[in-house]
Protein backbone atom coordinates (compact mmCIF):
# COMPACT_ATOMS: atom_id res chain seq x y z
CA GLN A 1 125.49 91.50 97.26
CA VAL A 2 124.62 95.23 98.12
CA GLN A 3 120.51 95.29 98.54
CA LEU A 4 118.26 98.65 99.63
CA VAL A 5 114.87 98.55 100.66
CA GLU A 6 112.77 101.61 100.69
CA SER A 7 109.61 101.76 102.68
CA GLY A 8 107.19 105.08 104.37
CA GLY A 9 105.64 105.98 101.38
CA GLY A 10 102.31 106.69 100.95
CA LEU A 11 99.47 109.20 100.22
CA VAL A 12 99.68 112.58 101.93
CA GLN A 13 97.71 115.87 101.83
CA ALA A 14 99.85 118.79 100.90
CA GLY A 15 101.63 120.69 103.96
CA GLY A 16 101.65 117.44 105.66
CA SER A 17 104.94 114.81 106.28
CA LEU A 18 106.00 111.70 105.70
CA ARG A 19 109.27 109.55 106.62
CA LEU A 20 111.12 107.33 104.14
CA SER A 21 113.37 104.65 105.10
CA CYS A 22 115.90 102.64 103.17
CA ALA A 23 117.18 99.51 105.03
CA ALA A 24 120.88 98.21 103.06
CA SER A 25 122.45 95.36 103.82
CA GLY A 26 125.53 93.29 101.97
CA ARG A 27 128.34 95.41 103.19
CA THR A 28 129.67 97.38 105.76
CA PHE A 29 126.99 100.27 106.08
CA SER A 30 128.80 102.79 107.69
CA ARG A 31 131.73 103.19 105.05
CA TYR A 32 129.42 104.39 102.48
CA THR A 33 127.66 107.49 101.27
CA MET A 34 123.72 107.47 101.02
CA GLY A 35 121.52 109.35 98.57
CA TRP A 36 118.03 109.72 98.03
CA PHE A 37 116.64 110.56 94.27
CA ARG A 38 112.98 110.75 93.18
CA GLN A 39 111.34 110.54 89.60
CA ALA A 40 108.19 111.81 88.71
CA PRO A 41 106.16 110.58 85.72
CA GLY A 42 107.41 111.67 82.40
CA LYS A 43 110.56 113.24 84.02
CA GLU A 44 114.06 112.34 84.46
CA ARG A 45 115.53 111.07 87.72
CA GLU A 46 116.62 114.12 90.06
CA PHE A 47 118.35 114.13 92.93
CA VAL A 48 116.97 114.75 96.45
CA ALA A 49 119.57 114.36 99.07
CA ALA A 50 122.78 112.73 100.05
CA ILE A 51 124.25 112.03 103.36
CA ASN A 52 128.24 111.03 103.66
CA TRP A 53 129.79 108.16 105.48
CA SER A 54 129.92 109.41 108.61
CA GLY A 55 126.89 111.70 108.95
CA GLY A 56 128.80 114.77 108.91
CA SER A 57 127.97 116.02 105.86
CA THR A 58 124.38 116.64 103.97
CA TYR A 59 123.81 118.00 100.76
CA TYR A 60 119.91 118.44 99.32
CA ALA A 61 118.64 120.00 95.83
CA ASP A 62 117.70 123.62 96.38
CA SER A 63 114.11 122.78 95.77
CA MET A 64 114.22 120.52 99.00
CA LYS A 65 116.20 122.43 101.41
CA GLY A 66 114.82 123.25 104.43
CA ARG A 67 111.68 120.96 103.71
CA PHE A 68 113.72 117.66 103.81
CA THR A 69 116.18 116.42 105.91
CA ILE A 70 118.46 113.24 105.33
CA SER A 71 120.08 111.00 108.23
CA ARG A 72 121.04 108.11 108.91
CA ASP A 73 122.01 105.18 111.77
CA ASN A 74 124.59 103.22 110.84
CA ALA A 75 124.06 101.21 113.84
CA LYS A 76 120.51 100.46 112.53
CA ASN A 77 122.16 100.18 108.75
CA THR A 78 119.32 102.81 107.68
CA VAL A 79 119.03 106.11 106.16
CA TYR A 80 116.04 107.99 106.41
CA LEU A 81 114.46 111.04 104.47
CA GLN A 82 112.41 113.27 106.57
CA MET A 83 110.01 114.95 104.00
CA ASN A 84 108.06 118.29 105.80
CA SER A 85 105.84 120.73 104.01
CA LEU A 86 104.93 118.78 101.08
CA LYS A 87 103.49 119.86 97.82
CA PRO A 88 101.83 118.44 94.92
CA GLU A 89 105.05 118.68 93.10
CA ASP A 90 106.82 116.27 95.34
CA THR A 91 104.78 113.39 94.02
CA ALA A 92 107.39 110.87 92.60
CA VAL A 93 108.73 107.38 93.11
CA TYR A 94 111.64 107.65 95.45
CA PHE A 95 114.90 105.34 95.16
CA CYS A 96 117.62 104.82 97.69
CA ALA A 97 121.00 104.55 96.45
CA THR A 98 124.62 104.24 97.29
CA GLN A 99 128.02 104.55 95.54
CA SER A 100 130.67 100.89 95.03
CA LEU A 101 133.18 103.16 96.35
CA PRO A 102 133.67 103.85 100.55
CA TYR A 103 134.65 107.05 101.98
CA GLN A 104 133.09 109.41 99.54
CA LEU A 105 131.67 112.96 99.91
CA GLY A 106 128.79 112.28 99.02
CA SER A 107 128.50 115.34 96.94
CA PRO A 108 125.78 116.30 94.53
CA GLY A 109 126.73 114.71 90.68
CA GLN A 110 128.76 111.44 92.38
CA ARG A 111 128.18 108.60 90.51
CA TYR A 112 125.37 105.63 92.40
CA ASP A 113 126.37 102.21 91.47
CA TYR A 114 123.28 100.59 93.78
CA TRP A 115 119.66 101.45 93.76
CA GLY A 116 116.56 100.37 95.95
CA GLN A 117 112.94 99.38 94.30
CA GLY A 118 111.68 102.61 95.04
CA THR A 119 108.57 104.09 97.05
CA GLN A 120 105.79 105.77 95.70
CA VAL A 121 105.28 109.14 97.18
CA THR A 122 101.97 110.86 96.20
CA VAL A 123 101.17 114.23 97.59
CA SER A 124 97.34 115.54 97.26
CA SER A 125 96.58 119.30 96.62
């Protein structure tokens, strides 16, 4: 079965950086779009970024553009989220997710069927 395991979260000061990783297993990683989402306390889960199966297309939520970068290494079955210029409002649990259908565009609003357990990111002011 598909398994997603996030890592790299932690406590960072405002203005700092973190890189999250998500290791995938259970199927051919390179065929599937990968996404990052986050959920802050008391708020709904929100889309952060996505990268299509080839890595040729990336998508970001408006508030993350220019600060976050999603990338993937298909040889390592891993997707990354580089987060720079972090703000206290970026504090959330960050989740990695993927789709059940291969070769999807990855554009925002698409359905994601498999989720990791999440990794906590805390940004102090």
